[in-house]
Amino acid sequence: MEKNDARTTGYRLAARLRGDRLTIEAPLRETLERDFADRIGAIRRSRRDGDRRALEESLEWERLGDFRLATGSPTAALRAYGAAAFSCCKGDHYDCGVRPLRSLQRRYLILREKMAALCGDDERLRALIPPAER
């Protein structure tokens, strides 16, 4: 709960749980998503080696996807999972034909499976997965 005003003692409800779905007010959700974006940006600017940076960025994108899925936005979650999978390919020199570390390859495959499971039989969601990942 968040306090409405410093002069009052009233509170307003910022989030509620309905079944297994978390509903968060838009300003709070945007603030939380901005925190994820800030962490992803910090990881991208870091001086860590490429493989470590790729793994950390992928993990943060997956956390954002989990958050979006929990707050009832499977489309946005699918996009975040896609970014997490793509981040696994951003390690050292992968554009030169060198393959990613085995752990990043495995993570990429796990994220693809997670995306497919999220889509289920929903053709609308399946259309959001890039063709090479279907």
C-alpha atoms as a PDB file:
ATOM      1  CA  MET A   1       0.000   0.000   0.000  1.00  0.00           C
ATOM      2  CA  GLU A   2       1.135   3.475  -0.764  1.00  0.00           C
ATOM      3  CA  LYS A   3       0.361   6.638   1.162  1.00  0.00           C
ATOM      4  CA  ASN A   4      -1.842   9.098  -0.784  1.00  0.00           C
ATOM      5  CA  ASP A   5      -0.694  12.352   0.714  1.00  0.00           C
ATOM      6  CA  ALA A   6       1.545  13.469   3.547  1.00  0.00           C
ATOM      7  CA  ARG A   7      -1.374  15.381   5.105  1.00  0.00           C
ATOM      8  CA  THR A   8      -3.762  12.439   5.308  1.00  0.00           C
ATOM      9  CA  THR A   9      -3.630   9.080   6.965  1.00  0.00           C
ATOM     10  CA  GLY A  10      -5.399   7.333   4.072  1.00  0.00           C
ATOM     11  CA  TYR A  11      -3.831   4.699   1.913  1.00  0.00           C
ATOM     12  CA  ARG A  12      -4.720   3.451  -1.535  1.00  0.00           C
ATOM     13  CA  LEU A  13      -4.402  -0.064  -2.795  1.00  0.00           C
ATOM     14  CA  ALA A  14      -1.478  -0.369  -5.241  1.00  0.00           C
ATOM     15  CA  ALA A  15      -1.681  -4.111  -5.946  1.00  0.00           C
ATOM     16  CA  ARG A  16      -4.105  -6.962  -5.502  1.00  0.00           C
ATOM     17  CA  LEU A  17      -4.036 -10.691  -6.061  1.00  0.00           C
ATOM     18  CA  ARG A  18      -6.878 -12.426  -7.905  1.00  0.00           C
ATOM     19  CA  GLY A  19      -6.323 -16.145  -8.071  1.00  0.00           C
ATOM     20  CA  ASP A  20      -2.820 -16.558  -9.451  1.00  0.00           C
ATOM     21  CA  ARG A  21      -2.759 -13.153 -11.176  1.00  0.00           C
ATOM     22  CA  LEU A  22      -1.194 -10.065  -9.624  1.00  0.00           C
ATOM     23  CA  THR A  23      -2.772  -6.733 -10.577  1.00  0.00           C
ATOM     24  CA  ILE A  24      -0.618  -3.654 -10.011  1.00  0.00           C
ATOM     25  CA  GLU A  25      -1.609  -0.045 -10.642  1.00  0.00           C
ATOM     26  CA  ALA A  26      -0.003   1.391 -13.780  1.00  0.00           C
ATOM     27  CA  PRO A  27       2.321   3.946 -12.098  1.00  0.00           C
ATOM     28  CA  LEU A  28       3.753   1.326  -9.756  1.00  0.00           C
ATOM     29  CA  ARG A  29       4.114  -1.238 -12.558  1.00  0.00           C
ATOM     30  CA  GLU A  30       5.914   1.336 -14.732  1.00  0.00           C
ATOM     31  CA  THR A  31       8.278   2.162 -11.869  1.00  0.00           C
ATOM     32  CA  LEU A  32       9.084  -1.505 -11.342  1.00  0.00           C
ATOM     33  CA  GLU A  33       9.618  -2.085 -15.065  1.00  0.00           C
ATOM     34  CA  ARG A  34      11.873   0.981 -15.217  1.00  0.00           C
ATOM     35  CA  ASP A  35      13.984  -0.630 -12.478  1.00  0.00           C
ATOM     36  CA  PHE A  36      14.406  -3.717 -14.686  1.00  0.00           C
ATOM     37  CA  ALA A  37      15.354  -1.502 -17.647  1.00  0.00           C
ATOM     38  CA  ASP A  38      17.900   0.356 -15.507  1.00  0.00           C
ATOM     39  CA  ARG A  39      19.507  -2.910 -14.394  1.00  0.00           C
ATOM     40  CA  ILE A  40      19.653  -4.187 -17.988  1.00  0.00           C
ATOM     41  CA  GLY A  41      21.252  -0.907 -19.084  1.00  0.00           C
ATOM     42  CA  ALA A  42      23.814  -1.120 -16.287  1.00  0.00           C
ATOM     43  CA  ILE A  43      24.711  -4.671 -17.318  1.00  0.00           C
ATOM     44  CA  ARG A  44      25.149  -3.581 -20.948  1.00  0.00           C
ATOM     45  CA  ARG A  45      27.468  -0.744 -19.888  1.00  0.00           C
ATOM     46  CA  SER A  46      29.510  -2.932 -17.550  1.00  0.00           C
ATOM     47  CA  ARG A  47      33.086  -3.937 -18.323  1.00  0.00           C
ATOM     48  CA  ARG A  48      32.546  -7.630 -17.644  1.00  0.00           C
ATOM     49  CA  ASP A  49      33.607 -10.149 -20.238  1.00  0.00           C
ATOM     50  CA  GLY A  50      31.081 -10.857 -22.985  1.00  0.00           C
ATOM     51  CA  ASP A  51      29.906 -14.263 -21.794  1.00  0.00           C
ATOM     52  CA  ARG A  52      29.311 -13.119 -18.223  1.00  0.00           C
ATOM     53  CA  ARG A  53      27.549  -9.986 -19.436  1.00  0.00           C
ATOM     54  CA  ALA A  54      25.397 -12.041 -21.844  1.00  0.00           C
ATOM     55  CA  LEU A  55      24.329 -14.367 -19.028  1.00  0.00           C
ATOM     56  CA  GLU A  56      23.507 -11.539 -16.611  1.00  0.00           C
ATOM     57  CA  GLU A  57      21.537  -9.645 -19.247  1.00  0.00           C
ATOM     58  CA  SER A  58      19.622 -12.793 -20.152  1.00  0.00           C
ATOM     59  CA  LEU A  59      18.773 -13.462 -16.501  1.00  0.00           C
ATOM     60  CA  GLU A  60      17.499  -9.904 -16.013  1.00  0.00           C
ATOM     61  CA  TRP A  61      15.321 -10.087 -19.140  1.00  0.00           C
ATOM     62  CA  GLU A  62      13.901 -13.384 -17.877  1.00  0.00           C
ATOM     63  CA  ARG A  63      13.094 -11.793 -14.501  1.00  0.00           C
ATOM     64  CA  LEU A  64      11.269  -9.015 -16.340  1.00  0.00           C
ATOM     65  CA  GLY A  65       9.352 -11.655 -18.309  1.00  0.00           C
ATOM     66  CA  ASP A  66       8.401 -13.471 -15.108  1.00  0.00           C
ATOM     67  CA  PHE A  67       7.204 -10.164 -13.603  1.00  0.00           C
ATOM     68  CA  ARG A  68       5.141  -9.335 -16.685  1.00  0.00           C
ATOM     69  CA  LEU A  69       3.636 -12.815 -16.726  1.00  0.00           C
ATOM     70  CA  ALA A  70       2.729 -12.568 -13.035  1.00  0.00           C
ATOM     71  CA  THR A  71       1.062  -9.201 -13.642  1.00  0.00           C
ATOM     72  CA  GLY A  72      -1.118 -10.614 -16.401  1.00  0.00           C
ATOM     73  CA  SER A  73       0.657  -9.613 -19.615  1.00  0.00           C
ATOM     74  CA  PRO A  74       1.662 -12.786 -21.475  1.00  0.00           C
ATOM     75  CA  THR A  75       2.428 -10.867 -24.685  1.00  0.00           C
ATOM     76  CA  ALA A  76       4.913  -8.575 -22.929  1.00  0.00           C
ATOM     77  CA  ALA A  77       6.325 -11.582 -21.061  1.00  0.00           C
ATOM     78  CA  LEU A  78       6.889 -13.417 -24.343  1.00  0.00           C
ATOM     79  CA  ARG A  79       8.774 -10.423 -25.745  1.00  0.00           C
ATOM     80  CA  ALA A  80      10.974 -10.262 -22.624  1.00  0.00           C
ATOM     81  CA  TYR A  81      11.698 -14.003 -22.849  1.00  0.00           C
ATOM     82  CA  GLY A  82      12.637 -13.498 -26.507  1.00  0.00           C
ATOM     83  CA  ALA A  83      15.071 -10.741 -25.492  1.00  0.00           C
ATOM     84  CA  ALA A  84      16.471 -13.075 -22.818  1.00  0.00           C
ATOM     85  CA  ALA A  85      17.072 -15.798 -25.412  1.00  0.00           C
ATOM     86  CA  PHE A  86      18.652 -13.324 -27.833  1.00  0.00           C
ATOM     87  CA  SER A  87      20.941 -12.054 -25.053  1.00  0.00           C
ATOM     88  CA  CYS A  88      22.481 -15.518 -24.850  1.00  0.00           C
ATOM     89  CA  CYS A  89      23.963 -14.878 -28.302  1.00  0.00           C
ATOM     90  CA  LYS A  90      25.682 -11.622 -27.302  1.00  0.00           C
ATOM     91  CA  GLY A  91      28.825 -13.080 -25.787  1.00  0.00           C
ATOM     92  CA  ASP A  92      32.376 -12.817 -27.083  1.00  0.00           C
ATOM     93  CA  HIS A  93      32.832 -12.838 -30.870  1.00  0.00           C
ATOM     94  CA  TYR A  94      29.640 -14.705 -31.794  1.00  0.00           C
ATOM     95  CA  ASP A  95      29.306 -12.643 -34.942  1.00  0.00           C
ATOM     96  CA  CYS A  96      32.540 -14.198 -36.227  1.00  0.00           C
ATOM     97  CA  GLY A  97      31.199 -17.742 -36.378  1.00  0.00           C
ATOM     98  CA  VAL A  98      32.338 -18.796 -32.904  1.00  0.00           C
ATOM     99  CA  ARG A  99      29.611 -20.633 -30.974  1.00  0.00           C
ATOM    100  CA  PRO A 100      28.459 -19.464 -27.534  1.00  0.00           C
ATOM    101  CA  LEU A 101      29.487 -21.256 -24.372  1.00  0.00           C
ATOM    102  CA  ARG A 102      27.619 -24.487 -23.791  1.00  0.00           C
ATOM    103  CA  SER A 103      25.851 -22.984 -20.763  1.00  0.00           C
ATOM    104  CA  LEU A 104      24.553 -20.088 -22.890  1.00  0.00           C
ATOM    105  CA  GLN A 105      23.480 -22.505 -25.633  1.00  0.00           C
ATOM    106  CA  ARG A 106      21.580 -24.565 -23.074  1.00  0.00           C
ATOM    107  CA  ARG A 107      20.009 -21.465 -21.584  1.00  0.00           C
ATOM    108  CA  TYR A 108      18.910 -20.352 -25.049  1.00  0.00           C
ATOM    109  CA  LEU A 109      17.173 -23.699 -25.626  1.00  0.00           C
ATOM    110  CA  ILE A 110      15.503 -23.596 -22.211  1.00  0.00           C
ATOM    111  CA  LEU A 111      14.162 -20.102 -22.927  1.00  0.00           C
ATOM    112  CA  ARG A 112      12.833 -21.251 -26.309  1.00  0.00           C
ATOM    113  CA  GLU A 113      10.977 -24.058 -24.547  1.00  0.00           C
ATOM    114  CA  LYS A 114       9.627 -21.575 -22.008  1.00  0.00           C
ATOM    115  CA  MET A 115       8.371 -19.369 -24.841  1.00  0.00           C
ATOM    116  CA  ALA A 116       6.687 -22.297 -26.577  1.00  0.00           C
ATOM    117  CA  ALA A 117       5.051 -23.392 -23.311  1.00  0.00           C
ATOM    118  CA  LEU A 118       3.764 -19.867 -22.722  1.00  0.00           C
ATOM    119  CA  CYS A 119       2.224 -19.773 -26.198  1.00  0.00           C
ATOM    120  CA  GLY A 120       0.510 -23.129 -25.883  1.00  0.00           C
ATOM    121  CA  ASP A 121      -2.113 -23.341 -28.641  1.00  0.00           C
ATOM    122  CA  ASP A 122      -2.558 -19.566 -28.862  1.00  0.00           C
ATOM    123  CA  GLU A 123      -1.751 -18.662 -32.479  1.00  0.00           C
ATOM    124  CA  ARG A 124      -1.743 -14.967 -31.604  1.00  0.00           C
ATOM    125  CA  LEU A 125       1.181 -15.499 -29.228  1.00  0.00           C
ATOM    126  CA  ARG A 126       2.936 -17.981 -31.529  1.00  0.00           C
ATOM    127  CA  ALA A 127       3.001 -15.285 -34.220  1.00  0.00           C
ATOM    128  CA  LEU A 128       5.225 -13.173 -31.937  1.00  0.00           C
ATOM    129  CA  ILE A 129       8.017 -15.777 -31.886  1.00  0.00           C
ATOM    130  CA  PRO A 130      10.597 -15.070 -34.618  1.00  0.00           C
ATOM    131  CA  PRO A 131      10.475 -17.745 -37.392  1.00  0.00           C
ATOM    132  CA  ALA A 132      13.911 -19.162 -36.569  1.00  0.00           C
ATOM    133  CA  GLU A 133      12.698 -19.966 -33.039  1.00  0.00           C
ATOM    134  CA  ARG A 134       9.404 -21.697 -33.837  1.00  0.00           C
END
